[in-house]
N, C-alpha and C. Protein backbone atom coordinates (compact mmCIF):
# COMPACT_ATOMS: atom_id res chain seq x y z
N MET A 1 -3.27 -7.90 -5.31
CA MET A 1 -2.48 -6.68 -5.39
C MET A 1 -1.12 -6.97 -4.73
N ARG A 2 -0.08 -6.55 -5.38
CA ARG A 2 1.26 -6.77 -4.83
C ARG A 2 1.53 -5.79 -3.69
N GLU A 3 2.41 -6.21 -2.80
CA GLU A 3 2.69 -5.41 -1.61
C GLU A 3 3.17 -3.99 -1.93
N PRO A 4 4.09 -3.79 -2.90
CA PRO A 4 4.50 -2.41 -3.20
C PRO A 4 3.32 -1.53 -3.65
N THR A 5 2.44 -2.08 -4.47
CA THR A 5 1.28 -1.32 -4.93
C THR A 5 0.39 -0.95 -3.75
N PHE A 6 0.16 -1.91 -2.87
CA PHE A 6 -0.66 -1.66 -1.68
C PHE A 6 -0.09 -0.49 -0.89
N PHE A 7 1.22 -0.50 -0.65
CA PHE A 7 1.81 0.55 0.17
C PHE A 7 1.96 1.88 -0.56
N ILE A 8 2.04 1.87 -1.89
CA ILE A 8 2.00 3.13 -2.64
C ILE A 8 0.63 3.77 -2.45
N LEU A 9 -0.43 2.98 -2.62
CA LEU A 9 -1.78 3.51 -2.43
C LEU A 9 -1.99 3.95 -0.98
N ALA A 10 -1.51 3.15 -0.03
CA ALA A 10 -1.65 3.51 1.39
C ALA A 10 -0.92 4.80 1.71
N ALA A 11 0.23 5.01 1.08
CA ALA A 11 1.01 6.23 1.31
C ALA A 11 0.22 7.47 0.89
N LEU A 12 -0.62 7.32 -0.11
CA LEU A 12 -1.38 8.45 -0.64
C LEU A 12 -2.74 8.63 0.04
N GLN A 13 -3.02 7.80 1.00
CA GLN A 13 -4.33 7.79 1.64
C GLN A 13 -4.67 9.10 2.36
N ASP A 14 -3.70 9.73 2.99
CA ASP A 14 -3.98 10.92 3.79
C ASP A 14 -3.79 12.24 3.06
N GLU A 15 -2.88 12.24 2.09
CA GLU A 15 -2.59 13.50 1.40
C GLU A 15 -1.81 13.22 0.12
N PRO A 16 -1.86 14.15 -0.83
CA PRO A 16 -1.06 14.01 -2.04
C PRO A 16 0.44 14.09 -1.69
N LEU A 17 1.25 13.31 -2.40
CA LEU A 17 2.69 13.29 -2.15
C LEU A 17 3.46 13.23 -3.46
N HIS A 18 4.69 13.73 -3.45
CA HIS A 18 5.58 13.57 -4.61
C HIS A 18 6.34 12.25 -4.43
N GLY A 19 7.04 11.84 -5.47
CA GLY A 19 7.68 10.53 -5.50
C GLY A 19 8.52 10.17 -4.30
N TYR A 20 9.46 11.03 -3.92
CA TYR A 20 10.35 10.72 -2.80
C TYR A 20 9.55 10.56 -1.50
N ALA A 21 8.54 11.39 -1.31
CA ALA A 21 7.70 11.29 -0.11
C ALA A 21 6.90 9.99 -0.11
N ILE A 22 6.48 9.52 -1.29
CA ILE A 22 5.78 8.23 -1.39
C ILE A 22 6.72 7.11 -0.96
N VAL A 23 7.96 7.15 -1.44
CA VAL A 23 8.95 6.13 -1.08
C VAL A 23 9.13 6.09 0.44
N LYS A 24 9.32 7.23 1.04
CA LYS A 24 9.54 7.30 2.48
C LYS A 24 8.31 6.86 3.27
N ARG A 25 7.13 7.29 2.85
CA ARG A 25 5.90 6.93 3.56
C ARG A 25 5.61 5.44 3.43
N ALA A 26 5.82 4.86 2.25
CA ALA A 26 5.60 3.42 2.05
C ALA A 26 6.55 2.62 2.93
N GLU A 27 7.79 3.06 3.02
CA GLU A 27 8.76 2.37 3.87
C GLU A 27 8.33 2.45 5.34
N GLU A 28 7.88 3.62 5.74
CA GLU A 28 7.41 3.82 7.12
C GLU A 28 6.19 2.95 7.44
N LEU A 29 5.20 2.98 6.54
CA LEU A 29 3.97 2.22 6.76
C LEU A 29 4.20 0.71 6.79
N SER A 30 5.20 0.26 6.04
CA SER A 30 5.49 -1.18 5.96
C SER A 30 6.54 -1.61 6.98
N ALA A 31 6.90 -0.73 7.89
CA ALA A 31 7.93 -1.02 8.90
C ALA A 31 9.24 -1.44 8.23
N GLY A 32 9.55 -0.81 7.09
CA GLY A 32 10.81 -1.05 6.41
C GLY A 32 10.81 -2.22 5.43
N ARG A 33 9.70 -2.96 5.33
CA ARG A 33 9.66 -4.10 4.42
C ARG A 33 9.64 -3.67 2.96
N VAL A 34 8.98 -2.56 2.65
CA VAL A 34 8.87 -2.10 1.27
C VAL A 34 9.81 -0.93 1.07
N ARG A 35 10.82 -1.18 0.24
CA ARG A 35 11.79 -0.13 -0.11
C ARG A 35 11.75 0.03 -1.63
N LEU A 36 11.06 1.06 -2.05
CA LEU A 36 10.84 1.27 -3.48
C LEU A 36 12.02 1.96 -4.14
N MET A 37 12.45 1.43 -5.25
CA MET A 37 13.46 2.09 -6.07
C MET A 37 12.72 3.01 -7.04
N ALA A 38 13.40 4.01 -7.55
CA ALA A 38 12.75 5.00 -8.42
C ALA A 38 12.08 4.35 -9.62
N GLY A 39 12.75 3.44 -10.28
CA GLY A 39 12.17 2.79 -11.46
C GLY A 39 10.89 2.03 -11.13
N THR A 40 10.91 1.31 -10.02
CA THR A 40 9.74 0.56 -9.58
C THR A 40 8.60 1.51 -9.25
N LEU A 41 8.91 2.57 -8.51
CA LEU A 41 7.89 3.53 -8.11
C LEU A 41 7.22 4.17 -9.32
N TYR A 42 8.02 4.70 -10.24
CA TYR A 42 7.42 5.45 -11.34
C TYR A 42 6.72 4.54 -12.34
N ALA A 43 7.19 3.31 -12.49
CA ALA A 43 6.46 2.35 -13.33
C ALA A 43 5.10 2.05 -12.69
N ALA A 44 5.09 1.87 -11.38
CA ALA A 44 3.83 1.60 -10.66
C ALA A 44 2.91 2.82 -10.74
N LEU A 45 3.44 4.02 -10.56
CA LEU A 45 2.61 5.22 -10.63
C LEU A 45 2.03 5.41 -12.03
N ASP A 46 2.80 5.11 -13.07
CA ASP A 46 2.27 5.18 -14.44
C ASP A 46 1.12 4.20 -14.62
N ARG A 47 1.32 2.96 -14.14
CA ARG A 47 0.28 1.94 -14.24
C ARG A 47 -0.96 2.34 -13.45
N LEU A 48 -0.74 2.81 -12.22
CA LEU A 48 -1.87 3.21 -11.37
C LEU A 48 -2.60 4.43 -11.93
N THR A 49 -1.87 5.30 -12.59
CA THR A 49 -2.50 6.46 -13.26
C THR A 49 -3.35 5.97 -14.42
N ASN A 50 -2.82 5.04 -15.22
CA ASN A 50 -3.58 4.48 -16.35
C ASN A 50 -4.82 3.74 -15.87
N GLU A 51 -4.73 3.11 -14.70
CA GLU A 51 -5.87 2.37 -14.12
C GLU A 51 -6.81 3.29 -13.34
N GLU A 52 -6.50 4.59 -13.33
CA GLU A 52 -7.29 5.62 -12.66
C GLU A 52 -7.40 5.41 -11.16
N MET A 53 -6.34 4.85 -10.56
CA MET A 53 -6.30 4.69 -9.11
C MET A 53 -5.56 5.85 -8.45
N VAL A 54 -4.68 6.50 -9.19
CA VAL A 54 -4.04 7.73 -8.74
C VAL A 54 -4.08 8.72 -9.89
N ARG A 55 -3.88 9.98 -9.55
CA ARG A 55 -3.80 11.02 -10.59
C ARG A 55 -2.77 12.04 -10.16
N VAL A 56 -2.28 12.77 -11.14
CA VAL A 56 -1.35 13.85 -10.85
C VAL A 56 -2.16 15.01 -10.28
N ALA A 57 -1.83 15.39 -9.06
CA ALA A 57 -2.54 16.49 -8.40
C ALA A 57 -1.94 17.83 -8.77
N GLU A 58 -0.61 17.82 -8.97
CA GLU A 58 0.09 19.09 -9.23
C GLU A 58 1.41 18.79 -9.91
N GLU A 59 1.80 19.66 -10.82
CA GLU A 59 3.12 19.57 -11.45
C GLU A 59 3.81 20.91 -11.24
N SER A 60 5.07 20.83 -10.85
CA SER A 60 5.84 22.05 -10.66
C SER A 60 7.28 21.79 -11.08
N VAL A 61 8.06 22.83 -11.15
CA VAL A 61 9.48 22.70 -11.46
C VAL A 61 10.26 23.11 -10.23
N VAL A 62 11.10 22.19 -9.74
CA VAL A 62 11.93 22.43 -8.57
C VAL A 62 13.38 22.21 -8.96
N ASN A 63 14.19 23.25 -8.82
CA ASN A 63 15.60 23.18 -9.20
C ASN A 63 15.76 22.71 -10.65
N GLY A 64 14.90 23.19 -11.52
CA GLY A 64 14.98 22.87 -12.93
C GLY A 64 14.44 21.50 -13.31
N ARG A 65 13.87 20.78 -12.35
CA ARG A 65 13.33 19.45 -12.62
C ARG A 65 11.83 19.42 -12.34
N ALA A 66 11.14 18.68 -13.20
CA ALA A 66 9.70 18.54 -13.01
C ALA A 66 9.43 17.69 -11.77
N ARG A 67 8.48 18.14 -10.98
CA ARG A 67 8.05 17.37 -9.80
C ARG A 67 6.54 17.20 -9.87
N ARG A 68 6.13 15.95 -9.82
CA ARG A 68 4.70 15.65 -9.83
C ARG A 68 4.27 15.22 -8.44
N THR A 69 3.13 15.72 -8.04
CA THR A 69 2.51 15.30 -6.79
C THR A 69 1.31 14.46 -7.17
N TYR A 70 1.21 13.27 -6.56
CA TYR A 70 0.15 12.32 -6.88
C TYR A 70 -0.86 12.26 -5.75
N GLU A 71 -2.11 11.96 -6.13
CA GLU A 71 -3.15 11.78 -5.13
C GLU A 71 -3.97 10.53 -5.46
N LEU A 72 -4.55 9.97 -4.44
CA LEU A 72 -5.40 8.80 -4.56
C LEU A 72 -6.76 9.20 -5.14
N THR A 73 -7.27 8.44 -6.08
CA THR A 73 -8.62 8.68 -6.60
C THR A 73 -9.62 7.86 -5.78
N ASP A 74 -10.90 8.09 -6.01
CA ASP A 74 -11.93 7.29 -5.34
C ASP A 74 -11.77 5.81 -5.71
N ARG A 75 -11.44 5.55 -6.96
CA ARG A 75 -11.24 4.17 -7.41
C ARG A 75 -10.05 3.54 -6.68
N GLY A 76 -8.97 4.29 -6.52
CA GLY A 76 -7.80 3.79 -5.80
C GLY A 76 -8.10 3.55 -4.34
N ALA A 77 -8.85 4.46 -3.72
CA ALA A 77 -9.22 4.30 -2.30
C ALA A 77 -10.08 3.06 -2.12
N SER A 78 -10.98 2.83 -3.04
CA SER A 78 -11.84 1.65 -2.98
C SER A 78 -11.02 0.37 -3.14
N ALA A 79 -10.10 0.36 -4.09
CA ALA A 79 -9.25 -0.82 -4.30
C ALA A 79 -8.38 -1.08 -3.07
N LEU A 80 -7.88 -0.04 -2.45
CA LEU A 80 -7.06 -0.16 -1.24
C LEU A 80 -7.88 -0.77 -0.11
N ARG A 81 -9.09 -0.27 0.12
CA ARG A 81 -9.97 -0.82 1.16
C ARG A 81 -10.31 -2.28 0.90
N GLU A 82 -10.63 -2.60 -0.35
CA GLU A 82 -10.96 -3.99 -0.71
C GLU A 82 -9.78 -4.92 -0.44
N GLU A 83 -8.58 -4.48 -0.79
CA GLU A 83 -7.39 -5.30 -0.55
C GLU A 83 -7.13 -5.46 0.94
N ALA A 84 -7.31 -4.40 1.70
CA ALA A 84 -7.11 -4.48 3.15
C ALA A 84 -8.12 -5.46 3.76
N GLU A 85 -9.35 -5.43 3.29
CA GLU A 85 -10.36 -6.36 3.78
C GLU A 85 -10.03 -7.80 3.39
N ARG A 86 -9.54 -8.01 2.17
CA ARG A 86 -9.15 -9.34 1.72
C ARG A 86 -8.01 -9.88 2.57
N MET A 87 -7.02 -9.03 2.83
CA MET A 87 -5.87 -9.46 3.65
C MET A 87 -6.30 -9.75 5.09
N ALA A 88 -7.20 -8.95 5.63
CA ALA A 88 -7.68 -9.18 7.00
C ALA A 88 -8.45 -10.50 7.08
N ALA A 89 -9.26 -10.80 6.07
CA ALA A 89 -10.00 -12.06 6.06
C ALA A 89 -9.05 -13.25 5.97
N ALA A 90 -8.00 -13.12 5.15
CA ALA A 90 -7.02 -14.19 5.03
C ALA A 90 -6.27 -14.37 6.34
N ALA A 91 -5.91 -13.29 7.00
CA ALA A 91 -5.22 -13.38 8.28
C ALA A 91 -6.12 -14.00 9.34
N GLN A 92 -7.42 -13.72 9.27
CA GLN A 92 -8.35 -14.29 10.24
C GLN A 92 -8.39 -15.81 10.16
N VAL A 93 -8.25 -16.35 8.98
CA VAL A 93 -8.20 -17.81 8.81
C VAL A 93 -7.06 -18.39 9.63
N VAL A 94 -5.91 -17.77 9.57
CA VAL A 94 -4.74 -18.25 10.32
C VAL A 94 -4.95 -18.06 11.81
N ARG A 95 -5.46 -16.89 12.21
CA ARG A 95 -5.70 -16.65 13.64
C ARG A 95 -6.70 -17.64 14.20
N ASP A 96 -7.78 -17.91 13.47
CA ASP A 96 -8.79 -18.85 13.94
C ASP A 96 -8.21 -20.25 14.10
N ARG A 97 -7.40 -20.67 13.15
CA ARG A 97 -6.80 -22.00 13.23
C ARG A 97 -5.81 -22.07 14.38
N SER A 98 -5.09 -21.00 14.63
CA SER A 98 -4.13 -20.97 15.73
C SER A 98 -4.85 -21.10 17.06
N VAL A 99 -5.97 -20.44 17.22
CA VAL A 99 -6.75 -20.51 18.45
C VAL A 99 -7.25 -21.94 18.65
N ARG A 100 -7.75 -22.56 17.58
CA ARG A 100 -8.22 -23.95 17.68
C ARG A 100 -7.07 -24.89 18.01
N SER A 101 -5.90 -24.66 17.43
CA SER A 101 -4.74 -25.52 17.70
C SER A 101 -4.35 -25.46 19.17
N VAL A 102 -4.38 -24.26 19.74
CA VAL A 102 -4.06 -24.10 21.16
C VAL A 102 -5.10 -24.81 22.01
N ALA A 103 -6.38 -24.67 21.65
CA ALA A 103 -7.46 -25.32 22.41
C ALA A 103 -7.33 -26.84 22.35
N VAL A 104 -7.00 -27.37 21.17
CA VAL A 104 -6.81 -28.82 21.02
C VAL A 104 -5.62 -29.28 21.85
N ALA A 105 -4.54 -28.53 21.81
CA ALA A 105 -3.33 -28.89 22.58
C ALA A 105 -3.64 -28.91 24.07
N ARG A 106 -4.39 -27.94 24.54
CA ARG A 106 -4.75 -27.90 25.96
C ARG A 106 -5.61 -29.10 26.34
N THR A 107 -6.53 -29.47 25.45
CA THR A 107 -7.40 -30.61 25.70
C THR A 107 -6.58 -31.91 25.78
N VAL A 108 -5.64 -32.07 24.87
CA VAL A 108 -4.79 -33.26 24.83
C VAL A 108 -3.92 -33.35 26.08
N LEU A 109 -3.41 -32.19 26.53
CA LEU A 109 -2.52 -32.18 27.70
C LEU A 109 -3.29 -32.34 29.00
N ALA A 110 -4.57 -32.07 29.01
CA ALA A 110 -5.36 -32.11 30.25
C ALA A 110 -5.67 -33.50 30.72
């Protein structure tokens, strides 16, 4: 799963959000690393809707413009958890090797 997709799904984890709120929440959750442009966001939301990972929770008209609020589906929540677990396992490989490297260095220096 690509990082923007991960953070779009993560943004929807707590509550349904409209597009601009998803952009802001994804940026916040990623500590500014993920900055979604409108085209990228809506292409991803269309794809995620087709994959049944998100759905339109509500449609309204605000200032003459359609506004959709999206929510995470059970399938999307499951995919998000699986990706988080995959990333944590991959990070653990690096952490474990780093700990061993420090232990070896200490042994060599002793």
